[in-house]
Amino acid sequence: MPKRLLLALLLAVAVKARAEESFTKGLSPDDFQAAGLSKLTPDELARLDLLVRGKQAGAVAKATEETKKAVTLTVREEERAAAKKEAAKASFIDKFKVVLKPGTEVDYTTLDATLPAGYSGWEKGTVLTLTNGQQWTCVQDGGDYETPTGKPVNVRIVPGSMGSFFMEIEHGGRVRVKFRGNVNLPPDAH
């Protein structure tokens, strides 16, 4: 951002410095003669230089202001785009992360929930959706299979060490799980 603004300001200063030069003294002798300026008195030449300088200064001021506005608008758009890109990178869970100081105690509680009727077991990678809408992914090797009873199965989510969780499944063992998120379930799924 500062590079573009600096470039625009340097350009404006250069144009302004050029505008402050005497118009009539900047002409070649042939152009001075061809324009009939040799007929003017020194006071008339000075007055002509002032008029030209005033006209140039107004044009420079206008161009400088327009350049500043354009650069500012461009920089703001780039900053918004960068912020939008960064925001898109952050996942839903990242938005809720909390940074804790070492030694801070975190207290997790257990959660009693239910798997809907039709549960038939788990293996690594199985996504289990509870009746409360929470989804948990099994991250442990092995597996446990059973014949669906047609009844909901009670489970308990128990915190483990270092932020891990285990799901204790009624008559189905215990599996390490990772919270995946919540889903909206239809009213009849409960």
N, C-alpha and C. Protein backbone atom coordinates (compact mmCIF):
# COMPACT_ATOMS: atom_id res chain seq x y z
N MET A 1 0.81 -1.19 0.00
CA MET A 1 0.00 0.00 0.00
C MET A 1 0.86 1.26 0.00
N PRO A 2 1.82 1.41 0.91
CA PRO A 2 2.61 2.64 0.95
C PRO A 2 3.38 2.88 -0.33
N LYS A 3 3.81 1.83 -1.03
CA LYS A 3 4.59 2.02 -2.26
C LYS A 3 3.76 2.71 -3.33
N ARG A 4 2.52 2.29 -3.50
CA ARG A 4 1.66 2.90 -4.52
C ARG A 4 1.34 4.35 -4.17
N LEU A 5 1.02 4.60 -2.92
CA LEU A 5 0.70 5.95 -2.49
C LEU A 5 1.92 6.85 -2.64
N LEU A 6 3.08 6.35 -2.27
CA LEU A 6 4.32 7.12 -2.40
C LEU A 6 4.60 7.44 -3.87
N LEU A 7 4.41 6.47 -4.75
CA LEU A 7 4.62 6.69 -6.18
C LEU A 7 3.68 7.76 -6.71
N ALA A 8 2.41 7.72 -6.30
CA ALA A 8 1.44 8.71 -6.75
C ALA A 8 1.82 10.11 -6.25
N LEU A 9 2.26 10.20 -5.00
CA LEU A 9 2.65 11.50 -4.45
C LEU A 9 3.90 12.05 -5.12
N LEU A 10 4.87 11.17 -5.40
CA LEU A 10 6.08 11.62 -6.10
C LEU A 10 5.75 12.12 -7.49
N LEU A 11 4.85 11.45 -8.17
CA LEU A 11 4.42 11.89 -9.49
C LEU A 11 3.76 13.26 -9.41
N ALA A 12 2.92 13.45 -8.42
CA ALA A 12 2.24 14.74 -8.25
C ALA A 12 3.24 15.86 -7.95
N VAL A 13 4.24 15.56 -7.10
CA VAL A 13 5.25 16.57 -6.78
C VAL A 13 6.07 16.93 -8.02
N ALA A 14 6.42 15.93 -8.83
CA ALA A 14 7.20 16.18 -10.04
C ALA A 14 6.40 17.04 -11.02
N VAL A 15 5.13 16.74 -11.17
CA VAL A 15 4.29 17.52 -12.08
C VAL A 15 4.14 18.94 -11.55
N LYS A 16 3.98 19.09 -10.23
CA LYS A 16 3.83 20.41 -9.63
C LYS A 16 5.12 21.23 -9.81
N ALA A 17 6.26 20.58 -9.60
CA ALA A 17 7.54 21.28 -9.78
C ALA A 17 7.69 21.74 -11.22
N ARG A 18 7.27 20.90 -12.14
CA ARG A 18 7.34 21.27 -13.55
C ARG A 18 6.40 22.43 -13.85
N ALA A 19 5.24 22.44 -13.17
CA ALA A 19 4.26 23.50 -13.38
C ALA A 19 4.76 24.84 -12.85
N GLU A 20 5.64 24.81 -11.85
CA GLU A 20 6.12 26.05 -11.26
C GLU A 20 7.21 26.72 -12.12
N GLU A 21 7.75 26.03 -13.10
CA GLU A 21 8.72 26.65 -14.00
C GLU A 21 8.00 27.71 -14.83
N SER A 22 8.72 28.67 -15.24
CA SER A 22 8.15 29.72 -16.07
C SER A 22 7.79 29.15 -17.43
N PHE A 23 6.54 29.38 -17.81
CA PHE A 23 6.06 28.87 -19.10
C PHE A 23 6.84 29.48 -20.25
N THR A 24 6.98 30.79 -20.22
CA THR A 24 7.62 31.48 -21.35
C THR A 24 9.10 31.18 -21.43
N LYS A 25 9.76 30.94 -20.27
CA LYS A 25 11.20 30.64 -20.30
C LYS A 25 11.46 29.20 -20.72
N GLY A 26 10.45 28.36 -20.64
CA GLY A 26 10.61 26.97 -21.04
C GLY A 26 10.44 26.75 -22.53
N LEU A 27 10.03 27.80 -23.26
CA LEU A 27 9.84 27.67 -24.71
C LEU A 27 11.16 27.84 -25.44
N SER A 28 11.26 27.16 -26.57
CA SER A 28 12.45 27.35 -27.41
C SER A 28 12.34 28.74 -28.05
N PRO A 29 13.46 29.34 -28.44
CA PRO A 29 13.41 30.67 -29.06
C PRO A 29 12.50 30.70 -30.29
N ASP A 30 12.49 29.64 -31.08
CA ASP A 30 11.63 29.60 -32.27
C ASP A 30 10.16 29.61 -31.88
N ASP A 31 9.77 28.80 -30.86
CA ASP A 31 8.37 28.76 -30.41
C ASP A 31 7.97 30.09 -29.78
N PHE A 32 8.89 30.70 -29.03
CA PHE A 32 8.63 31.98 -28.39
C PHE A 32 8.33 33.03 -29.45
N GLN A 33 9.13 33.05 -30.51
CA GLN A 33 8.99 34.00 -31.62
C GLN A 33 7.71 33.72 -32.41
N ALA A 34 7.46 32.41 -32.71
CA ALA A 34 6.30 32.03 -33.53
C ALA A 34 4.98 32.35 -32.82
N ALA A 35 4.96 32.33 -31.50
CA ALA A 35 3.75 32.62 -30.74
C ALA A 35 3.53 34.11 -30.58
N GLY A 36 4.47 34.91 -31.04
CA GLY A 36 4.33 36.36 -30.97
C GLY A 36 4.59 36.90 -29.57
N LEU A 37 5.25 36.13 -28.73
CA LEU A 37 5.49 36.55 -27.35
C LEU A 37 6.58 37.61 -27.25
N SER A 38 7.38 37.76 -28.27
CA SER A 38 8.45 38.77 -28.23
C SER A 38 7.87 40.18 -28.24
N LYS A 39 6.60 40.33 -28.64
CA LYS A 39 5.95 41.64 -28.67
C LYS A 39 5.48 42.08 -27.28
N LEU A 40 5.44 41.12 -26.29
CA LEU A 40 4.93 41.44 -24.96
C LEU A 40 6.00 42.08 -24.10
N THR A 41 5.56 42.94 -23.19
CA THR A 41 6.49 43.56 -22.24
C THR A 41 6.84 42.53 -21.18
N PRO A 42 7.90 42.78 -20.40
CA PRO A 42 8.24 41.84 -19.31
C PRO A 42 7.09 41.66 -18.32
N ASP A 43 6.32 42.71 -18.01
CA ASP A 43 5.18 42.57 -17.11
C ASP A 43 4.10 41.68 -17.72
N GLU A 44 3.87 41.83 -19.02
CA GLU A 44 2.86 41.00 -19.69
C GLU A 44 3.31 39.52 -19.73
N LEU A 45 4.61 39.31 -19.94
CA LEU A 45 5.14 37.94 -19.92
C LEU A 45 4.99 37.32 -18.52
N ALA A 46 5.28 38.11 -17.49
CA ALA A 46 5.14 37.63 -16.11
C ALA A 46 3.68 37.28 -15.82
N ARG A 47 2.76 38.14 -16.29
CA ARG A 47 1.33 37.88 -16.09
C ARG A 47 0.91 36.60 -16.82
N LEU A 48 1.41 36.38 -18.03
CA LEU A 48 1.11 35.16 -18.80
C LEU A 48 1.63 33.93 -18.05
N ASP A 49 2.85 34.04 -17.50
CA ASP A 49 3.41 32.92 -16.73
C ASP A 49 2.55 32.59 -15.52
N LEU A 50 2.05 33.64 -14.81
CA LEU A 50 1.17 33.43 -13.65
C LEU A 50 -0.13 32.73 -14.05
N LEU A 51 -0.72 33.15 -15.16
CA LEU A 51 -1.96 32.53 -15.63
C LEU A 51 -1.75 31.05 -15.98
N VAL A 52 -0.67 30.75 -16.67
CA VAL A 52 -0.38 29.36 -17.06
C VAL A 52 -0.10 28.53 -15.82
N ARG A 53 0.68 29.08 -14.87
CA ARG A 53 1.00 28.36 -13.63
C ARG A 53 -0.27 28.06 -12.84
N GLY A 54 -1.18 29.02 -12.75
CA GLY A 54 -2.44 28.81 -12.04
C GLY A 54 -3.27 27.71 -12.68
N LYS A 55 -3.32 27.71 -14.01
CA LYS A 55 -4.07 26.68 -14.72
C LYS A 55 -3.45 25.30 -14.48
N GLN A 56 -2.13 25.23 -14.54
CA GLN A 56 -1.43 23.96 -14.32
C GLN A 56 -1.60 23.47 -12.88
N ALA A 57 -1.53 24.39 -11.93
CA ALA A 57 -1.66 24.01 -10.52
C ALA A 57 -3.04 23.41 -10.25
N GLY A 58 -4.08 23.98 -10.83
CA GLY A 58 -5.42 23.43 -10.67
C GLY A 58 -5.53 22.03 -11.26
N ALA A 59 -4.93 21.84 -12.42
CA ALA A 59 -4.96 20.53 -13.06
C ALA A 59 -4.17 19.52 -12.25
N VAL A 60 -3.02 19.94 -11.70
CA VAL A 60 -2.20 19.05 -10.89
C VAL A 60 -2.94 18.67 -9.60
N ALA A 61 -3.56 19.66 -8.96
CA ALA A 61 -4.29 19.38 -7.72
C ALA A 61 -5.42 18.39 -7.98
N LYS A 62 -6.13 18.58 -9.07
CA LYS A 62 -7.23 17.69 -9.41
C LYS A 62 -6.69 16.28 -9.69
N ALA A 63 -5.63 16.19 -10.47
CA ALA A 63 -5.04 14.89 -10.80
C ALA A 63 -4.50 14.20 -9.55
N THR A 64 -3.88 14.97 -8.65
CA THR A 64 -3.33 14.41 -7.42
C THR A 64 -4.46 13.84 -6.55
N GLU A 65 -5.53 14.59 -6.40
CA GLU A 65 -6.66 14.13 -5.59
C GLU A 65 -7.29 12.87 -6.19
N GLU A 66 -7.46 12.86 -7.51
CA GLU A 66 -8.03 11.68 -8.17
C GLU A 66 -7.12 10.48 -8.01
N THR A 67 -5.81 10.69 -8.10
CA THR A 67 -4.85 9.59 -7.92
C THR A 67 -4.91 9.05 -6.51
N LYS A 68 -4.96 9.95 -5.52
CA LYS A 68 -5.05 9.51 -4.12
C LYS A 68 -6.30 8.68 -3.90
N LYS A 69 -7.43 9.13 -4.44
CA LYS A 69 -8.69 8.39 -4.27
C LYS A 69 -8.60 7.03 -4.93
N ALA A 70 -8.04 6.97 -6.13
CA ALA A 70 -7.95 5.70 -6.85
C ALA A 70 -7.04 4.71 -6.11
N VAL A 71 -5.89 5.21 -5.63
CA VAL A 71 -4.96 4.35 -4.90
C VAL A 71 -5.59 3.87 -3.61
N THR A 72 -6.25 4.76 -2.89
CA THR A 72 -6.90 4.40 -1.63
C THR A 72 -7.97 3.34 -1.87
N LEU A 73 -8.78 3.52 -2.90
CA LEU A 73 -9.83 2.56 -3.22
C LEU A 73 -9.24 1.20 -3.57
N THR A 74 -8.19 1.20 -4.37
CA THR A 74 -7.53 -0.05 -4.76
C THR A 74 -6.96 -0.77 -3.55
N VAL A 75 -6.30 -0.03 -2.68
CA VAL A 75 -5.70 -0.63 -1.48
C VAL A 75 -6.79 -1.20 -0.58
N ARG A 76 -7.88 -0.47 -0.39
CA ARG A 76 -8.98 -0.98 0.45
C ARG A 76 -9.57 -2.26 -0.12
N GLU A 77 -9.75 -2.31 -1.43
CA GLU A 77 -10.29 -3.51 -2.07
C GLU A 77 -9.35 -4.69 -1.88
N GLU A 78 -8.04 -4.45 -2.01
CA GLU A 78 -7.07 -5.52 -1.81
C GLU A 78 -7.08 -6.01 -0.37
N GLU A 79 -7.19 -5.08 0.60
CA GLU A 79 -7.24 -5.47 2.01
C GLU A 79 -8.50 -6.28 2.30
N ARG A 80 -9.64 -5.86 1.75
CA ARG A 80 -10.89 -6.61 1.95
C ARG A 80 -10.77 -8.01 1.37
N ALA A 81 -10.21 -8.11 0.18
CA ALA A 81 -10.06 -9.41 -0.47
C ALA A 81 -9.15 -10.32 0.36
N ALA A 82 -8.05 -9.76 0.88
CA ALA A 82 -7.13 -10.55 1.70
C ALA A 82 -7.82 -11.00 2.99
N ALA A 83 -8.58 -10.11 3.61
CA ALA A 83 -9.29 -10.45 4.85
C ALA A 83 -10.34 -11.53 4.58
N LYS A 84 -11.02 -11.42 3.46
CA LYS A 84 -12.04 -12.40 3.09
C LYS A 84 -11.39 -13.76 2.86
N LYS A 85 -10.24 -13.76 2.21
CA LYS A 85 -9.52 -15.00 1.94
C LYS A 85 -9.07 -15.66 3.24
N GLU A 86 -8.56 -14.88 4.17
CA GLU A 86 -8.15 -15.40 5.47
C GLU A 86 -9.32 -15.95 6.25
N ALA A 87 -10.45 -15.24 6.20
CA ALA A 87 -11.64 -15.69 6.91
C ALA A 87 -12.14 -17.01 6.34
N ALA A 88 -12.03 -17.17 5.03
CA ALA A 88 -12.48 -18.41 4.41
C ALA A 88 -11.59 -19.60 4.81
N LYS A 89 -10.33 -19.33 5.07
CA LYS A 89 -9.41 -20.39 5.47
C LYS A 89 -9.76 -20.95 6.84
N ALA A 90 -10.23 -20.09 7.73
CA ALA A 90 -10.53 -20.52 9.08
C ALA A 90 -11.74 -21.45 9.06
N SER A 91 -11.58 -22.62 9.64
CA SER A 91 -12.70 -23.56 9.67
C SER A 91 -13.66 -23.16 10.78
N PHE A 92 -14.79 -23.80 10.77
CA PHE A 92 -15.82 -23.53 11.78
C PHE A 92 -15.27 -23.77 13.18
N ILE A 93 -14.56 -24.87 13.38
CA ILE A 93 -14.03 -25.20 14.70
C ILE A 93 -12.94 -24.20 15.09
N ASP A 94 -12.10 -23.75 14.12
CA ASP A 94 -11.03 -22.81 14.43
C ASP A 94 -11.57 -21.52 15.04
N LYS A 95 -12.77 -21.13 14.67
CA LYS A 95 -13.34 -19.90 15.19
C LYS A 95 -13.63 -19.99 16.68
N PHE A 96 -13.74 -21.20 17.19
CA PHE A 96 -14.08 -21.38 18.59
C PHE A 96 -12.92 -21.88 19.44
N LYS A 97 -11.73 -21.94 18.84
CA LYS A 97 -10.57 -22.39 19.61
C LYS A 97 -10.21 -21.36 20.67
N VAL A 98 -9.71 -21.87 21.77
CA VAL A 98 -9.31 -21.01 22.88
C VAL A 98 -7.85 -21.31 23.18
N VAL A 99 -7.06 -20.27 23.33
CA VAL A 99 -5.66 -20.44 23.69
C VAL A 99 -5.57 -20.38 25.21
N LEU A 100 -5.00 -21.43 25.80
CA LEU A 100 -4.88 -21.51 27.24
C LEU A 100 -3.43 -21.41 27.65
N LYS A 101 -3.22 -20.81 28.80
CA LYS A 101 -1.87 -20.74 29.34
C LYS A 101 -1.51 -22.11 29.92
N PRO A 102 -0.24 -22.47 29.90
CA PRO A 102 0.15 -23.75 30.52
C PRO A 102 -0.30 -23.78 31.98
N GLY A 103 -0.80 -24.93 32.38
CA GLY A 103 -1.26 -25.10 33.76
C GLY A 103 -2.74 -24.82 33.93
N THR A 104 -3.38 -24.29 32.91
CA THR A 104 -4.81 -24.03 33.00
C THR A 104 -5.55 -25.36 32.97
N GLU A 105 -6.47 -25.55 33.88
CA GLU A 105 -7.24 -26.79 33.91
C GLU A 105 -8.50 -26.64 33.09
N VAL A 106 -8.76 -27.66 32.29
CA VAL A 106 -9.97 -27.70 31.49
C VAL A 106 -10.80 -28.86 32.01
N ASP A 107 -12.05 -28.59 32.30
CA ASP A 107 -12.91 -29.61 32.85
C ASP A 107 -13.94 -30.04 31.82
N TYR A 108 -13.81 -31.26 31.33
CA TYR A 108 -14.79 -31.82 30.41
C TYR A 108 -15.76 -32.67 31.22
N THR A 109 -16.97 -32.71 30.77
CA THR A 109 -17.94 -33.57 31.45
C THR A 109 -18.35 -34.69 30.51
N THR A 110 -18.92 -35.72 31.08
CA THR A 110 -19.41 -36.81 30.25
C THR A 110 -20.77 -36.43 29.67
N LEU A 111 -21.12 -37.09 28.60
CA LEU A 111 -22.39 -36.82 27.93
C LEU A 111 -23.10 -38.15 27.73
N ASP A 112 -24.28 -38.25 28.25
CA ASP A 112 -25.11 -39.43 28.00
C ASP A 112 -26.00 -39.12 26.80
N ALA A 113 -26.01 -40.03 25.83
CA ALA A 113 -26.77 -39.81 24.60
C ALA A 113 -27.26 -41.15 24.07
N THR A 114 -27.84 -41.13 22.87
CA THR A 114 -28.43 -42.33 22.29
C THR A 114 -28.10 -42.41 20.81
N LEU A 115 -27.77 -43.62 20.37
CA LEU A 115 -27.66 -43.90 18.94
C LEU A 115 -29.04 -44.37 18.48
N PRO A 116 -29.49 -43.94 17.32
CA PRO A 116 -30.83 -44.34 16.88
C PRO A 116 -30.91 -45.84 16.60
N ALA A 117 -32.13 -46.32 16.51
CA ALA A 117 -32.35 -47.73 16.17
C ALA A 117 -31.67 -48.02 14.84
N GLY A 118 -31.13 -49.21 14.70
CA GLY A 118 -30.45 -49.57 13.46
C GLY A 118 -28.94 -49.56 13.60
N TYR A 119 -28.42 -49.20 14.77
CA TYR A 119 -26.97 -49.23 14.99
C TYR A 119 -26.49 -50.66 14.82
N SER A 120 -25.41 -50.83 14.03
CA SER A 120 -24.93 -52.19 13.78
C SER A 120 -23.44 -52.35 14.07
N GLY A 121 -22.81 -51.37 14.71
CA GLY A 121 -21.41 -51.53 15.06
C GLY A 121 -20.55 -50.41 14.50
N TRP A 122 -19.24 -50.56 14.69
CA TRP A 122 -18.32 -49.52 14.26
C TRP A 122 -17.01 -50.15 13.79
N GLU A 123 -16.27 -49.38 13.01
CA GLU A 123 -14.89 -49.66 12.64
C GLU A 123 -14.23 -48.31 12.45
N LYS A 124 -12.93 -48.29 12.27
CA LYS A 124 -12.22 -47.02 12.09
C LYS A 124 -12.83 -46.27 10.90
N GLY A 125 -13.19 -44.99 11.12
CA GLY A 125 -13.75 -44.16 10.06
C GLY A 125 -15.27 -44.09 10.08
N THR A 126 -15.93 -44.96 10.86
CA THR A 126 -17.40 -44.94 10.94
C THR A 126 -17.84 -43.62 11.60
N VAL A 127 -18.84 -42.99 11.01
CA VAL A 127 -19.41 -41.78 11.58
C VAL A 127 -20.70 -42.18 12.29
N LEU A 128 -20.76 -41.92 13.59
CA LEU A 128 -21.93 -42.26 14.39
C LEU A 128 -22.69 -40.96 14.68
N THR A 129 -23.95 -40.92 14.27
CA THR A 129 -24.78 -39.75 14.51
C THR A 129 -25.72 -40.05 15.66
N LEU A 130 -25.62 -39.25 16.71
CA LEU A 130 -26.47 -39.44 17.88
C LEU A 130 -27.83 -38.80 17.65
N THR A 131 -28.79 -39.15 18.48
CA THR A 131 -30.14 -38.60 18.31
C THR A 131 -30.19 -37.11 18.64
N ASN A 132 -29.17 -36.58 19.32
CA ASN A 132 -29.13 -35.14 19.61
C ASN A 132 -28.51 -34.34 18.45
N GLY A 133 -28.12 -35.02 17.37
CA GLY A 133 -27.57 -34.35 16.20
C GLY A 133 -26.05 -34.31 16.15
N GLN A 134 -25.39 -34.73 17.21
CA GLN A 134 -23.92 -34.72 17.20
C GLN A 134 -23.41 -35.88 16.35
N GLN A 135 -22.31 -35.60 15.63
CA GLN A 135 -21.66 -36.65 14.86
C GLN A 135 -20.26 -36.87 15.41
N TRP A 136 -19.91 -38.13 15.59
CA TRP A 136 -18.62 -38.53 16.11
C TRP A 136 -18.01 -39.55 15.15
N THR A 137 -16.73 -39.38 14.84
CA THR A 137 -16.02 -40.30 13.95
C THR A 137 -15.17 -41.24 14.80
N CYS A 138 -15.24 -42.54 14.52
CA CYS A 138 -14.41 -43.52 15.21
C CYS A 138 -12.99 -43.42 14.65
N VAL A 139 -12.02 -43.20 15.52
CA VAL A 139 -10.63 -43.02 15.07
C VAL A 139 -9.72 -44.15 15.55
N GLN A 140 -10.30 -45.19 16.06
CA GLN A 140 -9.54 -46.30 16.62
C GLN A 140 -9.60 -47.49 15.68
N ASP A 141 -8.48 -48.21 15.53
CA ASP A 141 -8.49 -49.44 14.73
C ASP A 141 -9.32 -50.50 15.43
N GLY A 142 -9.74 -51.48 14.68
CA GLY A 142 -10.55 -52.56 15.24
C GLY A 142 -12.00 -52.34 14.87
N GLY A 143 -12.87 -52.92 15.63
CA GLY A 143 -14.28 -52.73 15.35
C GLY A 143 -15.12 -53.63 16.20
N ASP A 144 -16.41 -53.36 16.18
CA ASP A 144 -17.36 -54.13 16.94
C ASP A 144 -18.65 -54.16 16.14
N TYR A 145 -19.13 -55.36 15.84
CA TYR A 145 -20.35 -55.49 15.07
C TYR A 145 -21.36 -56.29 15.85
N GLU A 146 -22.60 -55.91 15.69
CA GLU A 146 -23.68 -56.66 16.33
C GLU A 146 -24.92 -56.55 15.47
N THR A 147 -25.83 -57.41 15.71
CA THR A 147 -27.08 -57.40 14.96
C THR A 147 -27.94 -56.27 15.50
N PRO A 148 -28.46 -55.42 14.62
CA PRO A 148 -29.32 -54.33 15.09
C PRO A 148 -30.53 -54.89 15.85
N THR A 149 -30.82 -54.26 16.98
CA THR A 149 -31.94 -54.72 17.81
C THR A 149 -33.24 -54.02 17.44
N GLY A 150 -33.15 -52.97 16.66
CA GLY A 150 -34.35 -52.20 16.34
C GLY A 150 -34.69 -51.21 17.43
N LYS A 151 -33.85 -51.15 18.44
CA LYS A 151 -34.05 -50.22 19.54
C LYS A 151 -32.88 -49.24 19.59
N PRO A 152 -33.11 -48.03 20.13
CA PRO A 152 -31.99 -47.10 20.32
C PRO A 152 -30.96 -47.70 21.29
N VAL A 153 -29.69 -47.31 21.11
CA VAL A 153 -28.59 -47.81 21.94
C VAL A 153 -28.05 -46.66 22.76
N ASN A 154 -27.94 -46.84 24.06
CA ASN A 154 -27.40 -45.80 24.94
C ASN A 154 -25.88 -45.74 24.81
N VAL A 155 -25.36 -44.51 24.82
CA VAL A 155 -23.91 -44.31 24.77
C VAL A 155 -23.54 -43.23 25.79
N ARG A 156 -22.27 -43.22 26.12
CA ARG A 156 -21.74 -42.18 27.00
C ARG A 156 -20.44 -41.70 26.38
N ILE A 157 -20.32 -40.38 26.18
CA ILE A 157 -19.09 -39.78 25.69
C ILE A 157 -18.28 -39.39 26.92
N VAL A 158 -17.06 -39.94 27.00
CA VAL A 158 -16.21 -39.73 28.17
C VAL A 158 -14.92 -39.05 27.72
N PRO A 159 -14.52 -37.96 28.41
CA PRO A 159 -13.26 -37.32 28.02
C PRO A 159 -12.07 -38.20 28.37
N GLY A 160 -11.08 -38.19 27.48
CA GLY A 160 -9.83 -38.90 27.72
C GLY A 160 -8.73 -37.90 28.00
N SER A 161 -7.49 -38.31 27.82
CA SER A 161 -6.37 -37.40 28.07
C SER A 161 -6.05 -36.61 26.80
N MET A 162 -5.47 -35.46 26.98
CA MET A 162 -4.99 -34.61 25.90
C MET A 162 -6.07 -34.29 24.87
N GLY A 163 -7.28 -34.06 25.34
CA GLY A 163 -8.36 -33.62 24.46
C GLY A 163 -9.04 -34.73 23.68
N SER A 164 -8.75 -35.99 24.00
CA SER A 164 -9.41 -37.08 23.29
C SER A 164 -10.73 -37.44 23.97
N PHE A 165 -11.56 -38.18 23.25
CA PHE A 165 -12.85 -38.61 23.79
C PHE A 165 -13.07 -40.08 23.45
N PHE A 166 -13.81 -40.75 24.31
CA PHE A 166 -14.19 -42.14 24.09
C PHE A 166 -15.71 -42.24 24.14
N MET A 167 -16.21 -43.14 23.31
CA MET A 167 -17.65 -43.41 23.33
C MET A 167 -17.82 -44.82 23.90
N GLU A 168 -18.52 -44.88 25.03
CA GLU A 168 -18.84 -46.17 25.63
C GLU A 168 -20.23 -46.54 25.12
N ILE A 169 -20.29 -47.65 24.37
CA ILE A 169 -21.53 -48.06 23.73
C ILE A 169 -22.14 -49.21 24.53
N GLU A 170 -23.41 -49.09 24.87
CA GLU A 170 -24.10 -50.13 25.63
C GLU A 170 -24.01 -51.46 24.89
N HIS A 171 -23.42 -52.46 25.53
CA HIS A 171 -23.22 -53.80 24.97
C HIS A 171 -22.36 -53.76 23.71
N GLY A 172 -21.55 -52.71 23.53
CA GLY A 172 -20.77 -52.62 22.30
C GLY A 172 -19.34 -52.17 22.51
N GLY A 173 -18.88 -52.11 23.72
CA GLY A 173 -17.49 -51.76 23.96
C GLY A 173 -17.25 -50.26 24.04
N ARG A 174 -15.98 -49.93 23.87
CA ARG A 174 -15.54 -48.54 24.00
C ARG A 174 -14.63 -48.22 22.82
N VAL A 175 -14.86 -47.06 22.17
CA VAL A 175 -14.09 -46.67 21.00
C VAL A 175 -13.65 -45.21 21.15
N ARG A 176 -12.42 -44.93 20.72
CA ARG A 176 -11.95 -43.54 20.73
C ARG A 176 -12.61 -42.83 19.55
N VAL A 177 -13.16 -41.63 19.83
CA VAL A 177 -13.91 -40.88 18.81
C VAL A 177 -13.42 -39.43 18.76
N LYS A 178 -13.75 -38.78 17.65
CA LYS A 178 -13.43 -37.38 17.47
C LYS A 178 -14.71 -36.66 17.05
N PHE A 179 -14.97 -35.53 17.69
CA PHE A 179 -16.19 -34.78 17.38
C PHE A 179 -16.10 -34.24 15.97
N ARG A 180 -17.15 -34.45 15.21
CA ARG A 180 -17.17 -34.03 13.81
C ARG A 180 -18.02 -32.79 13.62
N GLY A 181 -19.09 -32.67 14.38
CA GLY A 181 -19.98 -31.51 14.23
C GLY A 181 -21.41 -31.89 14.54
N ASN A 182 -22.30 -30.95 14.33
CA ASN A 182 -23.72 -31.16 14.56
C ASN A 182 -24.45 -31.15 13.23
N VAL A 183 -25.52 -31.93 13.16
CA VAL A 183 -26.38 -31.94 11.99
C VAL A 183 -27.82 -31.72 12.46
N ASN A 184 -28.62 -31.19 11.59
CA ASN A 184 -30.04 -31.03 11.90
C ASN A 184 -30.75 -32.31 11.53
N LEU A 185 -31.36 -32.93 12.51
CA LEU A 185 -32.09 -34.17 12.27
C LEU A 185 -33.56 -33.88 12.11
N PRO A 186 -34.26 -34.68 11.31
CA PRO A 186 -35.70 -34.49 11.20
C PRO A 186 -36.36 -34.81 12.54
N PRO A 187 -37.51 -34.21 12.84
CA PRO A 187 -38.17 -34.38 14.14
C PRO A 187 -38.45 -35.84 14.49
N ASP A 188 -38.72 -36.71 13.53
CA ASP A 188 -39.06 -38.10 13.83
C ASP A 188 -37.84 -38.96 14.12
N ALA A 189 -36.60 -38.43 13.98
CA ALA A 189 -35.39 -39.20 14.20
C ALA A 189 -35.06 -39.34 15.68
N HIS A 190 -35.67 -38.54 16.54
CA HIS A 190 -35.37 -38.59 17.99
C HIS A 190 -36.07 -39.73 18.57
